[in-house]
Amino acid sequence: MDILGYYNYWVFAVLLMIGFYAVIARGNLIKKLLGLSIFQSAVFLMYITMDKVEGGTAPIIQPGAVDQIYSNPLPQVLILTAIVVGVSTTALGLSIVVRIKETYGSVEEPEIFDADDV
């Protein structure tokens, strides 16, 4: 398989770097939270695409089926839980940003740091 055959890993790497860049390089707290969400989505994508079993089916045992290859359902369950945790983390982060905006009047990190030094 050539290097372009692994397109899902390329998408994972690009999304991961976009999210990481947004978290590290941006001063706006909303943009940081969006970057964190992109970063999480990249990890979800990687974990789900690694689970694919070639020729595998859903793990439902049917009578008469012999030598059947089954996919492991655990990664999907774990990612579903991680998605719920990611959404709740984003909601909590947004509520904290709202409180910071009410207190400091800005969502930009340099302005918050300058106001906090006074």
N, C-alpha and C. Protein backbone atom coordinates (compact mmCIF):
# COMPACT_ATOMS: atom_id res chain seq x y z
N MET A 1 0.86 -1.19 0.00
CA MET A 1 0.00 0.00 0.00
C MET A 1 0.90 1.24 0.00
N ASP A 2 0.59 2.16 -0.87
CA ASP A 2 1.40 3.37 -0.95
C ASP A 2 1.06 4.33 0.19
N ILE A 3 1.80 5.40 0.26
CA ILE A 3 1.67 6.34 1.38
C ILE A 3 0.33 7.07 1.37
N LEU A 4 -0.27 7.24 0.20
CA LEU A 4 -1.58 7.90 0.14
C LEU A 4 -2.71 6.96 0.53
N GLY A 5 -2.41 5.68 0.65
CA GLY A 5 -3.41 4.72 1.08
C GLY A 5 -3.80 4.88 2.54
N TYR A 6 -2.98 5.57 3.27
CA TYR A 6 -3.23 5.82 4.68
C TYR A 6 -3.83 7.22 4.87
N TYR A 7 -4.81 7.57 4.04
CA TYR A 7 -5.36 8.93 4.09
C TYR A 7 -5.99 9.25 5.44
N ASN A 8 -6.55 8.26 6.13
CA ASN A 8 -7.16 8.55 7.42
C ASN A 8 -6.11 9.00 8.44
N TYR A 9 -4.91 8.46 8.35
CA TYR A 9 -3.85 8.90 9.25
C TYR A 9 -3.36 10.30 8.89
N TRP A 10 -3.37 10.62 7.59
CA TRP A 10 -3.00 11.97 7.17
C TRP A 10 -4.03 12.99 7.67
N VAL A 11 -5.30 12.64 7.57
CA VAL A 11 -6.36 13.53 8.08
C VAL A 11 -6.21 13.69 9.58
N PHE A 12 -5.93 12.59 10.27
CA PHE A 12 -5.70 12.65 11.71
C PHE A 12 -4.56 13.60 12.04
N ALA A 13 -3.43 13.45 11.34
CA ALA A 13 -2.26 14.29 11.63
C ALA A 13 -2.54 15.76 11.36
N VAL A 14 -3.23 16.05 10.27
CA VAL A 14 -3.54 17.45 9.93
C VAL A 14 -4.48 18.06 10.96
N LEU A 15 -5.55 17.33 11.32
CA LEU A 15 -6.48 17.84 12.32
C LEU A 15 -5.81 18.02 13.68
N LEU A 16 -4.93 17.09 14.03
CA LEU A 16 -4.22 17.18 15.29
C LEU A 16 -3.34 18.43 15.34
N MET A 17 -2.63 18.70 14.26
CA MET A 17 -1.75 19.86 14.23
C MET A 17 -2.54 21.17 14.19
N ILE A 18 -3.67 21.19 13.49
CA ILE A 18 -4.52 22.39 13.48
C ILE A 18 -5.04 22.67 14.88
N GLY A 19 -5.53 21.64 15.56
CA GLY A 19 -6.02 21.83 16.92
C GLY A 19 -4.92 22.23 17.87
N PHE A 20 -3.76 21.61 17.75
CA PHE A 20 -2.63 21.94 18.63
C PHE A 20 -2.17 23.37 18.41
N TYR A 21 -2.11 23.79 17.15
CA TYR A 21 -1.72 25.16 16.83
C TYR A 21 -2.71 26.16 17.43
N ALA A 22 -3.99 25.86 17.31
CA ALA A 22 -5.01 26.78 17.85
C ALA A 22 -4.91 26.89 19.36
N VAL A 23 -4.61 25.79 20.03
CA VAL A 23 -4.50 25.83 21.49
C VAL A 23 -3.25 26.60 21.92
N ILE A 24 -2.15 26.40 21.24
CA ILE A 24 -0.88 27.01 21.65
C ILE A 24 -0.74 28.45 21.18
N ALA A 25 -1.07 28.74 19.93
CA ALA A 25 -0.72 30.02 19.32
C ALA A 25 -1.77 31.11 19.49
N ARG A 26 -2.99 30.78 19.76
CA ARG A 26 -4.05 31.78 19.83
C ARG A 26 -4.19 32.34 21.23
N GLY A 27 -4.53 33.62 21.32
CA GLY A 27 -4.73 34.27 22.61
C GLY A 27 -6.19 34.35 23.01
N ASN A 28 -7.09 34.11 22.07
CA ASN A 28 -8.51 34.17 22.34
C ASN A 28 -8.95 32.85 22.98
N LEU A 29 -9.64 32.94 24.10
CA LEU A 29 -10.03 31.73 24.82
C LEU A 29 -11.06 30.89 24.06
N ILE A 30 -11.93 31.53 23.30
CA ILE A 30 -12.91 30.79 22.50
C ILE A 30 -12.18 29.98 21.41
N LYS A 31 -11.20 30.60 20.77
CA LYS A 31 -10.44 29.90 19.73
C LYS A 31 -9.65 28.75 20.33
N LYS A 32 -9.17 28.92 21.55
CA LYS A 32 -8.47 27.83 22.22
C LYS A 32 -9.41 26.64 22.47
N LEU A 33 -10.63 26.93 22.87
CA LEU A 33 -11.60 25.85 23.09
C LEU A 33 -11.97 25.15 21.78
N LEU A 34 -12.11 25.92 20.71
CA LEU A 34 -12.38 25.31 19.40
C LEU A 34 -11.20 24.44 18.95
N GLY A 35 -9.99 24.91 19.20
CA GLY A 35 -8.80 24.11 18.89
C GLY A 35 -8.76 22.83 19.70
N LEU A 36 -9.15 22.90 20.96
CA LEU A 36 -9.20 21.71 21.79
C LEU A 36 -10.23 20.72 21.25
N SER A 37 -11.36 21.21 20.78
CA SER A 37 -12.39 20.34 20.20
C SER A 37 -11.89 19.68 18.91
N ILE A 38 -11.17 20.42 18.09
CA ILE A 38 -10.59 19.84 16.87
C ILE A 38 -9.56 18.78 17.22
N PHE A 39 -8.74 19.06 18.22
CA PHE A 39 -7.74 18.11 18.70
C PHE A 39 -8.41 16.82 19.16
N GLN A 40 -9.48 16.95 19.95
CA GLN A 40 -10.21 15.77 20.43
C GLN A 40 -10.82 15.00 19.27
N SER A 41 -11.38 15.70 18.30
CA SER A 41 -11.98 15.03 17.15
C SER A 41 -10.94 14.24 16.36
N ALA A 42 -9.73 14.77 16.28
CA ALA A 42 -8.66 14.06 15.58
C ALA A 42 -8.33 12.76 16.31
N VAL A 43 -8.27 12.80 17.62
CA VAL A 43 -7.99 11.59 18.39
C VAL A 43 -9.12 10.58 18.22
N PHE A 44 -10.36 11.04 18.22
CA PHE A 44 -11.49 10.14 18.00
C PHE A 44 -11.38 9.46 16.64
N LEU A 45 -11.07 10.25 15.62
CA LEU A 45 -10.94 9.72 14.26
C LEU A 45 -9.86 8.65 14.20
N MET A 46 -8.72 8.92 14.79
CA MET A 46 -7.62 7.96 14.76
C MET A 46 -8.02 6.66 15.46
N TYR A 47 -8.65 6.78 16.60
CA TYR A 47 -9.00 5.61 17.39
C TYR A 47 -10.04 4.75 16.65
N ILE A 48 -11.01 5.38 16.02
CA ILE A 48 -12.04 4.65 15.29
C ILE A 48 -11.46 3.99 14.04
N THR A 49 -10.61 4.68 13.30
CA THR A 49 -10.07 4.10 12.07
C THR A 49 -9.09 2.97 12.35
N MET A 50 -8.46 2.97 13.50
CA MET A 50 -7.56 1.87 13.85
C MET A 50 -8.35 0.60 14.17
N ASP A 51 -9.61 0.73 14.49
CA ASP A 51 -10.43 -0.41 14.90
C ASP A 51 -10.91 -1.25 13.73
N LYS A 52 -10.90 -0.73 12.54
CA LYS A 52 -11.47 -1.44 11.39
C LYS A 52 -10.73 -2.75 11.15
N VAL A 53 -11.48 -3.85 11.13
CA VAL A 53 -10.94 -5.18 10.83
C VAL A 53 -11.36 -5.54 9.41
N GLU A 54 -10.41 -5.85 8.59
CA GLU A 54 -10.69 -6.19 7.19
C GLU A 54 -11.51 -7.47 7.13
N GLY A 55 -12.72 -7.36 6.58
CA GLY A 55 -13.61 -8.51 6.48
C GLY A 55 -14.39 -8.81 7.74
N GLY A 56 -14.26 -7.96 8.75
CA GLY A 56 -14.95 -8.19 10.01
C GLY A 56 -16.39 -7.71 9.97
N THR A 57 -17.24 -8.35 10.74
CA THR A 57 -18.64 -7.96 10.83
C THR A 57 -18.96 -7.59 12.27
N ALA A 58 -20.18 -7.15 12.49
CA ALA A 58 -20.62 -6.82 13.84
C ALA A 58 -20.58 -8.07 14.71
N PRO A 59 -20.22 -7.94 15.96
CA PRO A 59 -20.08 -9.11 16.83
C PRO A 59 -21.43 -9.65 17.31
N ILE A 60 -22.24 -10.08 16.37
CA ILE A 60 -23.53 -10.71 16.67
C ILE A 60 -23.41 -12.16 16.22
N ILE A 61 -23.42 -13.05 17.18
CA ILE A 61 -23.24 -14.46 16.87
C ILE A 61 -24.55 -15.03 16.33
N GLN A 62 -24.47 -15.60 15.14
CA GLN A 62 -25.64 -16.17 14.49
C GLN A 62 -25.50 -17.68 14.44
N PRO A 63 -26.59 -18.38 14.55
CA PRO A 63 -26.50 -19.84 14.49
C PRO A 63 -26.00 -20.31 13.12
N GLY A 64 -25.08 -21.23 13.16
CA GLY A 64 -24.55 -21.78 11.91
C GLY A 64 -23.35 -21.04 11.37
N ALA A 65 -23.00 -19.89 11.92
CA ALA A 65 -21.84 -19.14 11.43
C ALA A 65 -20.58 -19.72 12.04
N VAL A 66 -19.69 -20.17 11.17
CA VAL A 66 -18.44 -20.79 11.61
C VAL A 66 -17.28 -19.99 11.02
N ASP A 67 -16.22 -19.83 11.80
CA ASP A 67 -15.02 -19.10 11.36
C ASP A 67 -15.34 -17.69 10.90
N GLN A 68 -16.16 -17.01 11.67
CA GLN A 68 -16.55 -15.64 11.35
C GLN A 68 -15.55 -14.68 11.99
N ILE A 69 -15.17 -13.62 11.29
CA ILE A 69 -14.27 -12.60 11.83
C ILE A 69 -15.14 -11.46 12.34
N TYR A 70 -14.94 -11.11 13.60
CA TYR A 70 -15.74 -10.06 14.23
C TYR A 70 -14.89 -8.84 14.53
N SER A 71 -15.50 -7.67 14.43
CA SER A 71 -14.85 -6.43 14.85
C SER A 71 -15.04 -6.25 16.35
N ASN A 72 -14.09 -5.62 16.97
CA ASN A 72 -14.17 -5.37 18.40
C ASN A 72 -15.06 -4.14 18.66
N PRO A 73 -16.14 -4.26 19.44
CA PRO A 73 -17.02 -3.12 19.68
C PRO A 73 -16.51 -2.16 20.75
N LEU A 74 -15.47 -2.55 21.49
CA LEU A 74 -15.00 -1.73 22.60
C LEU A 74 -14.52 -0.33 22.18
N PRO A 75 -13.76 -0.17 21.11
CA PRO A 75 -13.34 1.19 20.73
C PRO A 75 -14.50 2.14 20.45
N GLN A 76 -15.56 1.65 19.81
CA GLN A 76 -16.71 2.51 19.55
C GLN A 76 -17.37 2.95 20.85
N VAL A 77 -17.46 2.03 21.80
CA VAL A 77 -18.06 2.37 23.09
C VAL A 77 -17.20 3.39 23.82
N LEU A 78 -15.91 3.20 23.80
CA LEU A 78 -15.01 4.13 24.48
C LEU A 78 -15.06 5.51 23.82
N ILE A 79 -15.12 5.56 22.51
CA ILE A 79 -15.18 6.85 21.82
C ILE A 79 -16.50 7.53 22.07
N LEU A 80 -17.59 6.78 22.15
CA LEU A 80 -18.87 7.39 22.48
C LEU A 80 -18.80 8.06 23.85
N THR A 81 -18.19 7.39 24.82
CA THR A 81 -18.01 7.97 26.15
C THR A 81 -17.10 9.19 26.08
N ALA A 82 -16.04 9.10 25.29
CA ALA A 82 -15.11 10.23 25.16
C ALA A 82 -15.79 11.43 24.50
N ILE A 83 -16.69 11.19 23.56
CA ILE A 83 -17.41 12.29 22.92
C ILE A 83 -18.29 13.01 23.95
N VAL A 84 -18.97 12.24 24.79
CA VAL A 84 -19.81 12.85 25.83
C VAL A 84 -18.94 13.66 26.79
N VAL A 85 -17.81 13.12 27.19
CA VAL A 85 -16.91 13.85 28.08
C VAL A 85 -16.36 15.09 27.38
N GLY A 86 -16.03 14.99 26.09
CA GLY A 86 -15.52 16.14 25.35
C GLY A 86 -16.54 17.26 25.23
N VAL A 87 -17.80 16.90 24.98
CA VAL A 87 -18.85 17.91 24.88
C VAL A 87 -19.07 18.59 26.23
N SER A 88 -19.06 17.81 27.29
CA SER A 88 -19.25 18.42 28.62
C SER A 88 -18.05 19.27 29.01
N THR A 89 -16.86 18.87 28.63
CA THR A 89 -15.67 19.68 28.91
C THR A 89 -15.74 21.00 28.14
N THR A 90 -16.17 20.95 26.89
CA THR A 90 -16.32 22.17 26.10
C THR A 90 -17.38 23.08 26.69
N ALA A 91 -18.50 22.51 27.15
CA ALA A 91 -19.55 23.32 27.77
C ALA A 91 -19.04 23.98 29.05
N LEU A 92 -18.30 23.24 29.86
CA LEU A 92 -17.73 23.82 31.07
C LEU A 92 -16.73 24.92 30.74
N GLY A 93 -15.88 24.66 29.73
CA GLY A 93 -14.92 25.68 29.31
C GLY A 93 -15.60 26.94 28.82
N LEU A 94 -16.67 26.79 28.06
CA LEU A 94 -17.41 27.97 27.57
C LEU A 94 -18.06 28.73 28.73
N SER A 95 -18.57 28.02 29.72
CA SER A 95 -19.16 28.72 30.87
C SER A 95 -18.09 29.46 31.66
N ILE A 96 -16.91 28.90 31.76
CA ILE A 96 -15.81 29.60 32.44
C ILE A 96 -15.39 30.83 31.65
N VAL A 97 -15.37 30.71 30.31
CA VAL A 97 -15.03 31.87 29.48
C VAL A 97 -16.07 32.98 29.64
N VAL A 98 -17.34 32.62 29.77
CA VAL A 98 -18.38 33.62 30.00
C VAL A 98 -18.12 34.35 31.32
N ARG A 99 -17.76 33.62 32.36
CA ARG A 99 -17.46 34.25 33.66
C ARG A 99 -16.22 35.14 33.57
N ILE A 100 -15.21 34.70 32.83
CA ILE A 100 -14.02 35.52 32.64
C ILE A 100 -14.37 36.79 31.89
N LYS A 101 -15.21 36.69 30.88
CA LYS A 101 -15.64 37.87 30.12
C LYS A 101 -16.39 38.84 31.02
N GLU A 102 -17.25 38.32 31.92
CA GLU A 102 -17.97 39.20 32.85
C GLU A 102 -17.03 39.87 33.84
N THR A 103 -16.02 39.16 34.29
CA THR A 103 -15.10 39.69 35.29
C THR A 103 -14.08 40.65 34.69
N TYR A 104 -13.42 40.25 33.61
CA TYR A 104 -12.33 41.04 33.04
C TYR A 104 -12.73 41.89 31.83
N GLY A 105 -13.88 41.61 31.24
CA GLY A 105 -14.33 42.38 30.10
C GLY A 105 -13.67 41.99 28.79
N SER A 106 -12.96 40.86 28.76
CA SER A 106 -12.29 40.42 27.54
C SER A 106 -12.09 38.91 27.59
N VAL A 107 -11.90 38.33 26.41
CA VAL A 107 -11.56 36.92 26.34
C VAL A 107 -10.16 36.72 25.74
N GLU A 108 -9.41 37.78 25.61
CA GLU A 108 -8.04 37.71 25.11
C GLU A 108 -7.08 37.53 26.28
N GLU A 109 -6.18 36.55 26.18
CA GLU A 109 -5.27 36.25 27.27
C GLU A 109 -4.37 37.41 27.68
N PRO A 110 -3.75 38.13 26.75
CA PRO A 110 -2.87 39.23 27.19
C PRO A 110 -3.61 40.30 27.98
N GLU A 111 -4.83 40.62 27.57
CA GLU A 111 -5.61 41.62 28.29
C GLU A 111 -6.00 41.12 29.69
N ILE A 112 -6.31 39.85 29.80
CA ILE A 112 -6.66 39.29 31.10
C ILE A 112 -5.44 39.30 32.01
N PHE A 113 -4.26 38.91 31.46
CA PHE A 113 -3.05 38.92 32.28
C PHE A 113 -2.69 40.33 32.72
N ASP A 114 -2.85 41.31 31.82
CA ASP A 114 -2.55 42.71 32.17
C ASP A 114 -3.50 43.22 33.25
N ALA A 115 -4.77 42.88 33.15
CA ALA A 115 -5.74 43.32 34.15
C ALA A 115 -5.53 42.62 35.48
N ASP A 116 -5.00 41.43 35.46
CA ASP A 116 -4.78 40.68 36.69
C ASP A 116 -3.53 41.14 37.42
N ASP A 117 -2.56 41.74 36.71
CA ASP A 117 -1.33 42.23 37.33
C ASP A 117 -1.53 43.50 38.14
N VAL A 118 -2.61 44.21 37.89
CA VAL A 118 -2.85 45.49 38.55
C VAL A 118 -3.11 45.34 40.00
